[in-house]
Amino acid sequence: MSRRAWLVLGALPFLAVGGFMAWKARAVARELVDPPFYRPQPLARVEATYRELAAGGNGDPGGAWSSEEVGGLQLWHLRRQEPAPGVVLLLHGFGDDRWGTSPALQWFPGLDAAIFTYRRRDDALRRGGPAPLVTFGAAESQDVVRIVHHLEAAGTPRRRILLMGRSLGASVGLLALSDLERDGKGPLAGFIWEGAPASSRSFAERLVRGPEDRWWHALAPPIGALASRAAGRLGRYDPADTDLLRRTDGLRFATPSLCFLATQDRLAPPEVQRALAARFRSGRVVEVPTWHLHCAEVLGPSYSGAIRQAVADWFPDMAGGPERPPAHR
């Protein structure tokens, strides 16, 4: 066999590895900007769910829905029958929308609720047209900032606005909160979060790793880096803008926090969650021996109990009293 043939033969494993890395990076990049498992629900089903939530039950008083246009976004409000001291803004996760996260409002029976879909992707997909690509919080967090400013302009002080986000919703909330606190206008009422992916690069690497370790996972870090850069080019955003530790560097959040920390999470590294939780001046961390988005399932009633205790602490006037401020409307 000639020397050239030996060289070609010796190069084949490297070519195979390089080809695999390029293929996997492209696949993960596409998943980052356009989650393949996301399908918006038919409007009839969304409306039925909203009717059920408005009717209340099991300790939730329900309320009345209304919607309005806010800078190209559709913001939905559930207003309780009794005046509420504030509003919880529910932030949906990766591959989800306003319908998917709407049942979470039942954890806040004493507050009004607000909800929307980032960049209105659900409506675009229902129309059959191209939908805005997911930017892993870079653009979505600005939607949240815009909605908070709108609620303030409509008469709700930010100290009466609570955020809740899980999975990518937690990352979006942290990014938005960093911008809101840097503007010097004071803290929000509180932030409840769970399972915040550390960055698009970190999430891409963990998508490559999957639910269990395999021998080829030494390639996950470079594939994740390639995928996040490719996703940034597709979505026209800088992956560095999704890095939670970078974006919150130097901050000591005045907004109080409740963090549910899944200690076995493979998509949101527990060590990053702890580092982020430490950046809040006031907060509670509930560690749960489970993985991504299973804290409520594992904790059972203790999950909603922790939320309601946090809300009671952050809205002490909910029990009534002589200093009760004007209700949110």
Protein backbone atom coordinates (compact mmCIF):
# COMPACT_ATOMS: atom_id res chain seq x y z
CA MET A 1 0.00 0.00 0.00
CA SER A 2 1.37 3.42 -0.96
CA ARG A 3 2.27 6.09 1.56
CA ARG A 4 -0.57 8.26 0.25
CA ALA A 5 -3.07 5.47 0.82
CA TRP A 6 -1.82 5.04 4.37
CA LEU A 7 -2.21 8.78 4.98
CA VAL A 8 -5.76 8.74 3.65
CA LEU A 9 -6.58 5.69 5.74
CA GLY A 10 -5.12 7.33 8.84
CA ALA A 11 -7.12 10.49 8.25
CA LEU A 12 -10.46 8.69 8.01
CA PRO A 13 -11.15 8.60 11.80
CA PHE A 14 -10.47 12.33 12.06
CA LEU A 15 -12.68 13.05 9.08
CA ALA A 16 -15.44 10.93 10.60
CA VAL A 17 -15.20 12.74 13.94
CA GLY A 18 -15.16 16.13 12.22
CA GLY A 19 -18.16 15.18 10.12
CA PHE A 20 -20.07 13.98 13.16
CA MET A 21 -19.28 17.19 15.06
CA ALA A 22 -20.44 19.37 12.16
CA TRP A 23 -23.65 17.37 11.73
CA LYS A 24 -24.45 17.37 15.45
CA ALA A 25 -23.69 21.08 15.82
CA ARG A 26 -26.07 21.94 12.96
CA ALA A 27 -28.82 19.78 14.46
CA VAL A 28 -28.47 21.29 17.94
CA ALA A 29 -28.29 24.84 16.53
CA ARG A 30 -31.58 24.28 14.73
CA GLU A 31 -33.14 22.90 17.91
CA LEU A 32 -31.99 25.99 19.85
CA VAL A 33 -33.71 28.44 17.51
CA ASP A 34 -36.74 26.34 16.52
CA PRO A 35 -37.61 23.67 19.11
CA PRO A 36 -38.78 20.65 17.08
CA PHE A 37 -41.20 19.49 19.78
CA TYR A 38 -43.12 22.79 19.96
CA ARG A 39 -46.53 22.96 18.34
CA PRO A 40 -48.92 25.76 19.35
CA GLN A 41 -52.28 24.52 20.52
CA PRO A 42 -55.42 25.30 18.49
CA LEU A 43 -57.06 28.50 19.68
CA ALA A 44 -60.21 26.57 20.62
CA ARG A 45 -58.20 24.54 23.13
CA VAL A 46 -56.42 27.63 24.45
CA GLU A 47 -59.75 29.39 24.95
CA ALA A 48 -61.20 26.35 26.73
CA THR A 49 -58.23 26.28 29.12
CA TYR A 50 -58.63 29.99 29.81
CA ARG A 51 -62.34 29.49 30.57
CA GLU A 52 -61.46 26.75 33.05
CA LEU A 53 -58.90 28.98 34.74
CA ALA A 54 -61.38 31.86 34.88
CA ALA A 55 -63.92 29.57 36.60
CA GLY A 56 -61.42 28.77 39.38
CA GLY A 57 -61.77 25.92 41.85
CA ASN A 58 -59.65 23.95 44.33
CA GLY A 59 -58.86 27.07 46.30
CA ASP A 60 -58.34 29.33 43.31
CA PRO A 61 -60.97 32.09 42.99
CA GLY A 62 -60.69 32.42 39.22
CA GLY A 63 -61.33 35.77 37.62
CA ALA A 64 -62.01 37.51 34.33
CA TRP A 65 -59.71 37.57 31.29
CA SER A 66 -58.93 40.52 29.07
CA SER A 67 -56.18 41.20 26.54
CA GLU A 68 -54.42 44.17 24.99
CA GLU A 69 -51.75 44.92 22.43
CA VAL A 70 -48.42 46.08 23.85
CA GLY A 71 -45.80 46.97 21.26
CA GLY A 72 -46.70 44.07 18.97
CA LEU A 73 -47.20 41.63 21.86
CA GLN A 74 -50.54 40.31 23.08
CA LEU A 75 -50.73 40.62 26.85
CA TRP A 76 -53.43 38.64 28.64
CA HIS A 77 -54.66 39.60 32.14
CA LEU A 78 -56.60 37.53 34.64
CA ARG A 79 -58.12 39.92 37.17
CA ARG A 80 -59.53 38.50 40.38
CA GLN A 81 -63.02 39.30 41.59
CA GLU A 82 -61.57 40.85 44.75
CA PRO A 83 -58.98 43.65 44.45
CA ALA A 84 -55.48 42.19 44.35
CA PRO A 85 -52.37 43.87 45.78
CA GLY A 86 -50.27 43.03 42.73
CA VAL A 87 -49.75 40.95 39.62
CA VAL A 88 -47.65 37.88 38.78
CA LEU A 89 -46.14 37.91 35.30
CA LEU A 90 -45.74 34.30 34.15
CA LEU A 91 -42.79 33.57 31.83
CA HIS A 92 -42.92 30.43 29.71
CA GLY A 93 -40.06 28.05 29.02
CA PHE A 94 -38.24 26.60 26.02
CA GLY A 95 -40.63 25.24 23.40
CA ASP A 96 -43.69 26.54 25.24
CA ASP A 97 -46.06 29.51 25.06
CA ARG A 98 -48.69 31.41 27.06
CA TRP A 99 -51.08 28.45 27.03
CA GLY A 100 -48.53 26.01 28.38
CA THR A 101 -47.62 28.09 31.39
CA SER A 102 -51.05 29.59 32.12
CA PRO A 103 -52.08 26.94 34.73
CA ALA A 104 -49.26 28.23 36.96
CA LEU A 105 -51.47 31.20 37.85
CA GLN A 106 -53.32 28.85 40.22
CA TRP A 107 -50.30 28.99 42.54
CA PHE A 108 -51.11 32.69 43.09
CA PRO A 109 -54.78 32.82 44.14
CA GLY A 110 -54.40 36.21 45.81
CA LEU A 111 -52.77 37.98 42.84
CA ASP A 112 -53.86 39.06 39.40
CA ALA A 113 -51.95 37.35 36.60
CA ALA A 114 -50.44 38.44 33.30
CA ILE A 115 -49.10 36.25 30.51
CA PHE A 116 -47.89 36.48 26.93
CA THR A 117 -45.85 34.56 24.34
CA TYR A 118 -42.39 35.90 23.55
CA ARG A 119 -42.23 37.51 20.13
CA ARG A 120 -45.73 36.17 19.46
CA ARG A 121 -44.35 32.94 17.98
CA ASP A 122 -47.54 30.96 18.62
CA ASP A 123 -49.68 33.29 16.50
CA ALA A 124 -47.14 33.28 13.67
CA LEU A 125 -47.03 29.48 13.60
CA ARG A 126 -50.83 29.20 13.69
CA ARG A 127 -50.98 31.42 10.62
CA GLY A 128 -48.59 29.06 8.86
CA GLY A 129 -46.00 31.75 8.31
CA PRO A 130 -42.38 31.95 9.41
CA ALA A 131 -42.08 32.47 13.16
CA PRO A 132 -39.41 34.53 14.93
CA LEU A 133 -36.56 32.27 15.95
CA VAL A 134 -35.82 31.65 19.62
CA THR A 135 -32.87 33.74 20.81
CA PHE A 136 -32.49 31.98 24.17
CA GLY A 137 -33.39 35.07 26.13
CA ALA A 138 -31.42 37.72 24.24
CA ALA A 139 -34.57 39.20 22.62
CA GLU A 140 -37.19 37.54 24.82
CA SER A 141 -35.89 39.28 27.95
CA GLN A 142 -36.49 42.63 26.26
CA ASP A 143 -40.12 41.60 25.74
CA VAL A 144 -40.37 41.09 29.50
CA VAL A 145 -38.80 44.49 30.20
CA ARG A 146 -41.29 46.07 27.80
CA ILE A 147 -44.24 44.40 29.54
CA VAL A 148 -43.01 45.44 33.00
CA HIS A 149 -42.68 49.03 31.80
CA HIS A 150 -46.21 48.82 30.38
CA LEU A 151 -47.63 47.55 33.67
CA GLU A 152 -45.86 50.39 35.47
CA ALA A 153 -47.26 52.96 33.04
CA ALA A 154 -50.74 51.49 33.56
CA GLY A 155 -50.52 52.12 37.30
CA THR A 156 -48.87 49.06 38.87
CA PRO A 157 -45.64 49.98 40.67
CA ARG A 158 -42.84 47.52 40.01
CA ARG A 159 -42.77 46.70 43.74
CA ARG A 160 -46.21 45.17 43.02
CA ILE A 161 -45.02 43.06 40.05
CA LEU A 162 -43.80 39.52 40.66
CA LEU A 163 -42.06 37.37 38.04
CA MET A 164 -42.17 33.59 37.80
CA GLY A 165 -40.17 31.57 35.26
CA ARG A 166 -39.18 27.94 34.88
CA SER A 167 -36.53 26.51 32.54
CA LEU A 168 -35.83 29.08 29.81
CA GLY A 169 -38.47 31.26 31.47
CA ALA A 170 -36.17 31.44 34.49
CA SER A 171 -33.23 32.49 32.30
CA VAL A 172 -35.38 35.08 30.52
CA GLY A 173 -36.54 36.40 33.90
CA LEU A 174 -32.98 36.69 35.23
CA LEU A 175 -31.83 38.52 32.10
CA ALA A 176 -34.80 40.89 32.26
CA LEU A 177 -34.31 41.45 35.97
CA SER A 178 -30.66 42.37 35.44
CA ASP A 179 -31.70 45.10 32.99
CA LEU A 180 -34.57 46.30 35.18
CA GLU A 181 -32.39 46.61 38.28
CA ARG A 182 -29.58 48.33 36.42
CA ASP A 183 -31.97 51.13 35.42
CA GLY A 184 -31.99 52.32 39.03
CA LYS A 185 -35.77 52.42 39.48
CA GLY A 186 -35.90 49.90 42.29
CA PRO A 187 -36.71 46.21 42.79
CA LEU A 188 -39.71 44.17 41.78
CA ALA A 189 -41.92 42.45 44.35
CA GLY A 190 -40.12 39.15 43.87
CA PHE A 191 -38.84 36.52 41.46
CA ILE A 192 -39.67 32.80 41.62
CA TRP A 193 -37.51 30.64 39.37
CA GLU A 194 -36.50 27.08 38.66
CA GLY A 195 -34.03 25.38 36.32
CA ALA A 196 -32.44 28.35 34.52
CA PRO A 197 -30.08 27.15 31.73
CA ALA A 198 -26.75 28.93 32.19
CA SER A 199 -26.40 30.07 28.56
CA SER A 200 -27.18 28.94 25.03
CA ARG A 201 -23.72 27.36 24.86
CA SER A 202 -24.21 25.49 28.15
CA PHE A 203 -27.65 24.29 27.07
CA ALA A 204 -26.33 23.17 23.68
CA GLU A 205 -23.59 21.15 25.34
CA ARG A 206 -26.14 19.48 27.60
CA LEU A 207 -28.44 18.69 24.70
CA VAL A 208 -25.51 16.84 23.15
CA ARG A 209 -24.94 14.93 26.39
CA GLY A 210 -28.57 13.91 26.72
CA PRO A 211 -30.04 12.09 29.73
CA GLU A 212 -27.01 9.88 30.42
CA ASP A 213 -23.24 9.87 29.97
CA ARG A 214 -21.66 8.22 26.94
CA TRP A 215 -18.04 7.69 25.88
CA TRP A 216 -18.10 10.34 23.15
CA HIS A 217 -19.21 13.13 25.46
CA ALA A 218 -15.66 14.50 25.45
CA LEU A 219 -16.87 16.11 22.21
CA ALA A 220 -19.84 17.83 23.86
CA PRO A 221 -18.06 21.10 24.83
CA PRO A 222 -16.72 21.87 21.32
CA ILE A 223 -20.01 20.79 19.70
CA GLY A 224 -21.93 22.99 22.13
CA ALA A 225 -19.70 25.95 21.31
CA LEU A 226 -20.14 25.41 17.56
CA ALA A 227 -23.91 24.97 17.93
CA SER A 228 -24.40 28.10 20.03
CA ARG A 229 -22.42 30.19 17.54
CA ALA A 230 -24.43 28.77 14.66
CA ALA A 231 -27.69 29.43 16.53
CA GLY A 232 -26.58 33.00 17.15
CA ARG A 233 -26.00 33.51 13.44
CA LEU A 234 -29.39 32.02 12.61
CA GLY A 235 -31.24 34.06 15.24
CA ARG A 236 -29.09 37.18 14.80
CA TYR A 237 -28.04 37.45 18.42
CA ASP A 238 -24.80 37.25 20.36
CA PRO A 239 -24.64 34.02 22.40
CA ALA A 240 -22.68 35.93 25.05
CA ASP A 241 -25.88 37.90 25.76
CA THR A 242 -27.50 34.68 27.01
CA ASP A 243 -24.77 33.97 29.59
CA LEU A 244 -26.46 34.45 32.97
CA LEU A 245 -23.29 34.69 35.04
CA ARG A 246 -21.85 37.25 32.64
CA ARG A 247 -25.03 39.33 32.39
CA THR A 248 -25.55 39.43 36.15
CA ASP A 249 -21.89 40.01 37.01
CA GLY A 250 -21.48 42.68 39.69
CA LEU A 251 -25.17 42.75 40.61
CA ARG A 252 -26.67 42.21 44.04
CA PHE A 253 -30.35 41.93 43.25
CA ALA A 254 -32.62 43.93 45.54
CA THR A 255 -35.60 41.93 44.29
CA PRO A 256 -36.21 39.00 46.68
CA SER A 257 -35.99 35.50 45.25
CA LEU A 258 -37.36 32.00 45.69
CA CYS A 259 -35.29 29.41 43.81
CA PHE A 260 -36.28 25.76 43.40
CA LEU A 261 -32.98 24.02 42.71
CA ALA A 262 -33.04 20.56 41.14
CA THR A 263 -29.79 19.00 42.35
CA GLN A 264 -29.73 16.33 39.60
CA ASP A 265 -30.49 18.72 36.74
CA ARG A 266 -28.54 17.98 33.55
CA LEU A 267 -29.86 21.01 31.61
CA ALA A 268 -29.48 23.72 34.26
CA PRO A 269 -26.23 23.10 36.17
CA PRO A 270 -26.88 23.15 39.95
CA GLU A 271 -23.59 24.96 40.64
CA VAL A 272 -24.68 27.81 38.36
CA GLN A 273 -28.09 27.96 40.08
CA ARG A 274 -26.37 28.32 43.44
CA ALA A 275 -24.07 31.05 42.13
CA LEU A 276 -27.03 32.97 40.71
CA ALA A 277 -29.10 32.56 43.88
CA ALA A 278 -26.18 34.05 45.85
CA ARG A 279 -26.52 37.25 43.82
CA PHE A 280 -29.82 38.06 45.54
CA ARG A 281 -29.62 40.08 48.75
CA SER A 282 -32.70 38.29 50.08
CA GLY A 283 -33.87 34.89 49.02
CA ARG A 284 -34.60 31.28 49.75
CA VAL A 285 -33.26 28.23 47.94
CA VAL A 286 -35.23 24.98 48.08
CA GLU A 287 -33.00 22.11 46.95
CA VAL A 288 -34.82 19.10 45.54
CA PRO A 289 -33.18 15.76 44.60
CA THR A 290 -34.60 15.62 41.09
CA TRP A 291 -33.96 16.87 37.56
CA HIS A 292 -35.27 19.50 35.20
CA LEU A 293 -38.79 20.78 35.94
CA HIS A 294 -39.73 18.00 38.37
CA CYS A 295 -39.53 20.00 41.60
CA ALA A 296 -43.31 20.49 41.83
CA GLU A 297 -43.90 16.78 41.24
CA VAL A 298 -41.40 15.72 43.91
CA LEU A 299 -42.39 18.32 46.52
CA GLY A 300 -46.13 17.98 46.05
CA PRO A 301 -48.11 20.46 48.19
CA SER A 302 -44.84 21.80 49.65
CA TYR A 303 -44.09 23.38 46.26
CA SER A 304 -47.18 25.57 46.20
CA GLY A 305 -46.79 26.09 49.94
CA ALA A 306 -43.34 27.59 49.46
CA ILE A 307 -44.69 29.86 46.73
CA ARG A 308 -47.60 31.05 48.84
CA GLN A 309 -45.32 31.73 51.79
CA ALA A 310 -43.02 33.80 49.58
CA VAL A 311 -45.98 35.75 48.20
CA ALA A 312 -47.26 36.39 51.73
CA ASP A 313 -43.82 37.69 52.72
CA TRP A 314 -43.52 39.92 49.65
CA PHE A 315 -47.12 41.19 49.82
CA PRO A 316 -47.73 41.54 53.58
CA ASP A 317 -50.86 43.60 52.92
CA MET A 318 -52.61 40.59 51.34
CA ALA A 319 -54.02 39.74 54.76
CA GLY A 320 -55.44 43.23 55.03
CA GLY A 321 -54.44 46.02 57.37
CA PRO A 322 -54.54 49.78 57.82
CA GLU A 323 -51.66 50.41 55.37
CA ARG A 324 -53.15 48.52 52.44
CA PRO A 325 -52.17 50.33 49.20
CA PRO A 326 -54.45 50.78 46.21
CA ALA A 327 -55.21 47.52 44.45
CA HIS A 328 -53.77 46.71 41.03
CA ARG A 329 -56.16 47.54 38.24
